[in-house]
């Protein structure tokens, strides 16, 4: 994603690796806090597609 940002599910990153790491951190609950007032189970993030993620939209 040179020069841009990518978004997948609820994660944004500058590289494919950053987004994949954010998903892994979410699933492990290492990096993200809990949602106060939500009594349900933590939502699991879907699997990241096997293809490399790319930035979308215009680049300035």
N, C-alpha and C. Protein backbone atom coordinates (compact mmCIF):
# COMPACT_ATOMS: atom_id res chain seq x y z
N UNK A 1 0.81 -1.18 0.00
CA UNK A 1 0.00 0.00 0.00
C UNK A 1 0.86 1.25 0.00
N UNK A 2 1.86 1.31 -0.85
CA UNK A 2 2.75 2.46 -0.86
C UNK A 2 2.00 3.77 -1.04
N UNK A 3 2.25 4.73 -0.14
CA UNK A 3 1.66 6.04 -0.26
C UNK A 3 0.20 6.13 0.13
N UNK A 4 -0.37 5.05 0.62
CA UNK A 4 -1.78 5.09 0.95
C UNK A 4 -2.08 4.33 2.22
N UNK A 5 -3.34 4.19 2.47
CA UNK A 5 -3.82 3.44 3.63
C UNK A 5 -4.83 2.43 3.13
N UNK A 6 -4.89 1.33 3.81
CA UNK A 6 -5.86 0.31 3.48
C UNK A 6 -6.76 0.04 4.67
N UNK A 7 -7.96 -0.41 4.38
CA UNK A 7 -8.90 -0.75 5.44
C UNK A 7 -9.47 -2.13 5.15
N UNK A 8 -9.57 -2.92 6.19
CA UNK A 8 -10.19 -4.23 6.09
C UNK A 8 -10.91 -4.48 7.41
N UNK A 9 -12.18 -4.83 7.33
CA UNK A 9 -13.06 -5.01 8.47
C UNK A 9 -13.02 -3.73 9.30
N UNK A 10 -12.54 -3.75 10.54
CA UNK A 10 -12.46 -2.54 11.36
C UNK A 10 -11.02 -2.05 11.52
N UNK A 11 -10.12 -2.52 10.69
CA UNK A 11 -8.71 -2.20 10.86
C UNK A 11 -8.20 -1.36 9.70
N UNK A 12 -7.33 -0.41 10.01
CA UNK A 12 -6.66 0.39 8.99
C UNK A 12 -5.16 0.25 9.17
N UNK A 13 -4.43 0.34 8.06
CA UNK A 13 -2.98 0.25 8.15
C UNK A 13 -2.32 0.78 6.90
N UNK A 14 -1.02 0.99 7.01
CA UNK A 14 -0.22 1.45 5.87
C UNK A 14 0.27 0.29 5.04
N UNK A 15 0.26 -0.90 5.63
CA UNK A 15 0.74 -2.08 4.90
C UNK A 15 -0.19 -3.26 5.16
N UNK A 16 -0.09 -4.24 4.31
CA UNK A 16 -0.83 -5.48 4.48
C UNK A 16 -0.47 -6.11 5.83
N UNK A 17 0.79 -6.08 6.18
CA UNK A 17 1.25 -6.67 7.43
C UNK A 17 0.65 -5.98 8.66
N UNK A 18 0.52 -4.64 8.62
CA UNK A 18 -0.07 -3.92 9.75
C UNK A 18 -1.52 -4.36 9.98
N UNK A 19 -2.26 -4.53 8.90
CA UNK A 19 -3.66 -4.94 9.03
C UNK A 19 -3.75 -6.37 9.55
N UNK A 20 -2.91 -7.25 9.05
CA UNK A 20 -2.92 -8.63 9.54
C UNK A 20 -2.53 -8.70 11.01
N UNK A 21 -1.58 -7.87 11.42
CA UNK A 21 -1.17 -7.84 12.83
C UNK A 21 -2.30 -7.31 13.70
N UNK A 22 -3.02 -6.30 13.23
CA UNK A 22 -4.14 -5.75 13.99
C UNK A 22 -5.20 -6.83 14.20
N UNK A 23 -5.49 -7.64 13.18
CA UNK A 23 -6.47 -8.72 13.33
C UNK A 23 -5.98 -9.73 14.36
N UNK A 24 -4.72 -10.10 14.27
CA UNK A 24 -4.17 -11.06 15.23
C UNK A 24 -4.25 -10.51 16.65
N UNK A 25 -3.89 -9.24 16.82
CA UNK A 25 -3.97 -8.61 18.15
C UNK A 25 -5.42 -8.57 18.64
N UNK A 26 -6.36 -8.28 17.76
CA UNK A 26 -7.77 -8.25 18.14
C UNK A 26 -8.21 -9.62 18.65
N UNK A 27 -7.85 -10.66 17.93
CA UNK A 27 -8.28 -12.00 18.29
C UNK A 27 -7.66 -12.45 19.61
N UNK A 28 -6.44 -11.97 19.91
CA UNK A 28 -5.76 -12.33 21.16
C UNK A 28 -6.15 -11.40 22.30
N UNK A 29 -6.81 -10.29 21.98
CA UNK A 29 -7.19 -9.26 22.97
C UNK A 29 -5.97 -8.61 23.61
N UNK A 30 -4.85 -8.55 22.91
CA UNK A 30 -3.63 -7.96 23.46
C UNK A 30 -3.59 -6.43 23.35
N UNK A 31 -4.11 -5.89 22.29
CA UNK A 31 -3.87 -4.49 21.95
C UNK A 31 -5.10 -3.59 22.14
N UNK A 32 -6.27 -4.15 22.03
CA UNK A 32 -7.49 -3.36 22.06
C UNK A 32 -8.21 -3.54 23.38
N UNK A 33 -8.79 -2.47 23.88
CA UNK A 33 -9.52 -2.53 25.14
C UNK A 33 -10.89 -3.18 24.97
N UNK A 34 -11.59 -3.27 26.08
CA UNK A 34 -12.93 -3.84 26.02
C UNK A 34 -13.96 -2.73 25.87
N UNK A 35 -15.10 -3.08 25.34
CA UNK A 35 -16.19 -2.12 25.17
C UNK A 35 -17.02 -2.13 26.45
N UNK A 36 -16.99 -1.04 27.16
CA UNK A 36 -17.74 -0.93 28.42
C UNK A 36 -19.24 -0.92 28.13
N UNK A 37 -20.00 -1.65 28.90
CA UNK A 37 -21.44 -1.68 28.75
C UNK A 37 -21.94 -2.71 27.77
N UNK A 38 -21.05 -3.42 27.08
CA UNK A 38 -21.46 -4.47 26.14
C UNK A 38 -21.33 -5.80 26.86
N UNK A 39 -22.45 -6.50 27.02
CA UNK A 39 -22.46 -7.74 27.79
C UNK A 39 -22.26 -9.00 26.95
N UNK A 40 -22.23 -8.88 25.65
CA UNK A 40 -22.09 -10.06 24.79
C UNK A 40 -20.64 -10.52 24.68
N UNK A 41 -20.46 -11.65 24.01
CA UNK A 41 -19.13 -12.17 23.74
C UNK A 41 -18.40 -11.24 22.77
N UNK A 42 -17.09 -11.24 22.86
CA UNK A 42 -16.27 -10.45 21.94
C UNK A 42 -16.49 -10.97 20.52
N UNK A 43 -16.67 -10.05 19.58
CA UNK A 43 -16.85 -10.44 18.18
C UNK A 43 -15.52 -10.86 17.59
N UNK A 44 -15.53 -11.96 16.88
CA UNK A 44 -14.33 -12.41 16.19
C UNK A 44 -14.21 -11.76 14.82
N UNK A 45 -13.01 -11.38 14.45
CA UNK A 45 -12.79 -10.80 13.12
C UNK A 45 -12.74 -11.93 12.09
N UNK A 46 -13.32 -11.70 10.92
CA UNK A 46 -13.23 -12.72 9.87
C UNK A 46 -11.78 -12.92 9.44
N UNK A 47 -11.52 -14.02 8.79
CA UNK A 47 -10.17 -14.29 8.27
C UNK A 47 -9.82 -13.25 7.22
N UNK A 48 -8.56 -12.85 7.19
CA UNK A 48 -8.08 -11.93 6.16
C UNK A 48 -7.94 -12.72 4.86
N UNK A 49 -8.34 -12.15 3.73
CA UNK A 49 -8.20 -12.86 2.45
C UNK A 49 -6.74 -13.28 2.20
N UNK A 50 -6.58 -14.37 1.48
CA UNK A 50 -5.24 -14.89 1.20
C UNK A 50 -4.43 -13.95 0.30
N UNK A 51 -5.11 -13.14 -0.50
CA UNK A 51 -4.39 -12.20 -1.37
C UNK A 51 -3.89 -11.01 -0.57
N UNK A 52 -2.86 -10.34 -1.09
CA UNK A 52 -2.32 -9.18 -0.40
C UNK A 52 -3.31 -8.03 -0.50
N UNK A 53 -3.54 -7.35 0.63
CA UNK A 53 -4.46 -6.22 0.66
C UNK A 53 -3.80 -5.02 0.01
N UNK A 54 -4.62 -4.22 -0.69
CA UNK A 54 -4.09 -3.04 -1.39
C UNK A 54 -4.89 -1.81 -1.01
N UNK A 55 -4.22 -0.66 -1.06
CA UNK A 55 -4.89 0.61 -0.78
C UNK A 55 -5.93 0.87 -1.86
N UNK A 56 -7.00 1.53 -1.48
CA UNK A 56 -8.06 1.90 -2.42
C UNK A 56 -8.23 3.40 -2.40
N UNK A 57 -8.86 3.92 -3.41
CA UNK A 57 -9.13 5.35 -3.47
C UNK A 57 -7.99 6.13 -4.09
N UNK A 58 -8.12 7.42 -4.05
CA UNK A 58 -7.10 8.26 -4.69
C UNK A 58 -5.91 8.49 -3.77
N UNK A 59 -4.76 8.67 -4.36
CA UNK A 59 -3.53 8.96 -3.64
C UNK A 59 -3.18 10.40 -3.96
N UNK A 60 -2.91 11.19 -2.94
CA UNK A 60 -2.57 12.60 -3.15
C UNK A 60 -1.10 12.79 -3.27
